[in-house]
Amino acid sequence: MSDLKIFSDTTQIDNKRVIVRLDLNVPIKNFKIEDDTRIRVVIPFFK
């Protein structure tokens, strides 16, 4: 996940449209997510 590209904290995106493309394919076994790392990494960006 070292190649994760996100906006810096100084980027002004208030009142702007932002297109976000994420690859959130996660391993699922027996209808349960086995590793949610990809999902947890992007949560701070959306907050």
C-alpha atoms as a PDB file:
ATOM      1  CA  MET A   1       0.000   0.000   0.000  1.00  0.00           C
ATOM      2  CA  SER A   2       2.974   2.295  -0.202  1.00  0.00           C
ATOM      3  CA  ASP A   3       1.743   3.735  -3.511  1.00  0.00           C
ATOM      4  CA  LEU A   4      -1.418   5.158  -1.983  1.00  0.00           C
ATOM      5  CA  LYS A   5      -2.089   8.598  -3.426  1.00  0.00           C
ATOM      6  CA  ILE A   6      -4.308  10.887  -1.407  1.00  0.00           C
ATOM      7  CA  PHE A   7      -4.713  14.631  -1.037  1.00  0.00           C
ATOM      8  CA  SER A   8      -2.482  16.379   1.427  1.00  0.00           C
ATOM      9  CA  ASP A   9      -4.051  18.120   4.399  1.00  0.00           C
ATOM     10  CA  THR A  10      -3.408  21.467   2.766  1.00  0.00           C
ATOM     11  CA  THR A  11      -5.312  20.777  -0.450  1.00  0.00           C
ATOM     12  CA  GLN A  12      -8.439  22.922  -0.584  1.00  0.00           C
ATOM     13  CA  ILE A  13     -11.364  20.764  -1.719  1.00  0.00           C
ATOM     14  CA  ASP A  14     -14.182  22.463   0.155  1.00  0.00           C
ATOM     15  CA  ASN A  15     -17.183  23.158  -2.094  1.00  0.00           C
ATOM     16  CA  LYS A  16     -15.602  21.249  -4.982  1.00  0.00           C
ATOM     17  CA  ARG A  17     -16.438  18.051  -6.743  1.00  0.00           C
ATOM     18  CA  VAL A  18     -13.877  15.341  -6.382  1.00  0.00           C
ATOM     19  CA  ILE A  19     -13.841  12.092  -8.289  1.00  0.00           C
ATOM     20  CA  VAL A  20     -12.376   9.291  -6.250  1.00  0.00           C
ATOM     21  CA  ARG A  21     -11.459   5.952  -7.734  1.00  0.00           C
ATOM     22  CA  LEU A  22     -10.600   3.236  -5.263  1.00  0.00           C
ATOM     23  CA  ASP A  23      -9.677  -0.393  -5.578  1.00  0.00           C
ATOM     24  CA  LEU A  24     -11.382  -1.850  -2.538  1.00  0.00           C
ATOM     25  CA  ASN A  25     -11.368  -5.471  -3.598  1.00  0.00           C
ATOM     26  CA  VAL A  26     -11.021  -7.376  -0.362  1.00  0.00           C
ATOM     27  CA  PRO A  27     -10.721 -11.090   0.287  1.00  0.00           C
ATOM     28  CA  ILE A  28     -14.038 -12.640   1.288  1.00  0.00           C
ATOM     29  CA  LYS A  29     -14.542 -16.102   2.657  1.00  0.00           C
ATOM     30  CA  ASN A  30     -17.893 -17.486   3.757  1.00  0.00           C
ATOM     31  CA  PHE A  31     -19.476 -14.060   3.174  1.00  0.00           C
ATOM     32  CA  LYS A  32     -17.078 -12.399   5.648  1.00  0.00           C
ATOM     33  CA  ILE A  33     -14.306  -9.940   4.870  1.00  0.00           C
ATOM     34  CA  GLU A  34     -11.000 -11.535   5.817  1.00  0.00           C
ATOM     35  CA  ASP A  35      -8.763  -8.469   5.498  1.00  0.00           C
ATOM     36  CA  ASP A  36     -10.232  -4.956   5.647  1.00  0.00           C
ATOM     37  CA  THR A  37      -6.915  -3.097   5.430  1.00  0.00           C
ATOM     38  CA  ARG A  38      -7.742  -1.382   2.131  1.00  0.00           C
ATOM     39  CA  ILE A  39     -10.996  -0.081   3.539  1.00  0.00           C
ATOM     40  CA  ARG A  40      -9.478   1.126   6.832  1.00  0.00           C
ATOM     41  CA  VAL A  41      -6.689   3.002   5.033  1.00  0.00           C
ATOM     42  CA  VAL A  42      -9.097   5.271   3.099  1.00  0.00           C
ATOM     43  CA  ILE A  43     -11.485   6.087   5.956  1.00  0.00           C
ATOM     44  CA  PRO A  44      -9.432   9.081   7.239  1.00  0.00           C
ATOM     45  CA  PHE A  45      -9.493  10.599   3.760  1.00  0.00           C
ATOM     46  CA  PHE A  46     -13.292  10.653   3.724  1.00  0.00           C
ATOM     47  CA  LYS A  47     -13.543  12.106   7.198  1.00  0.00           C
END
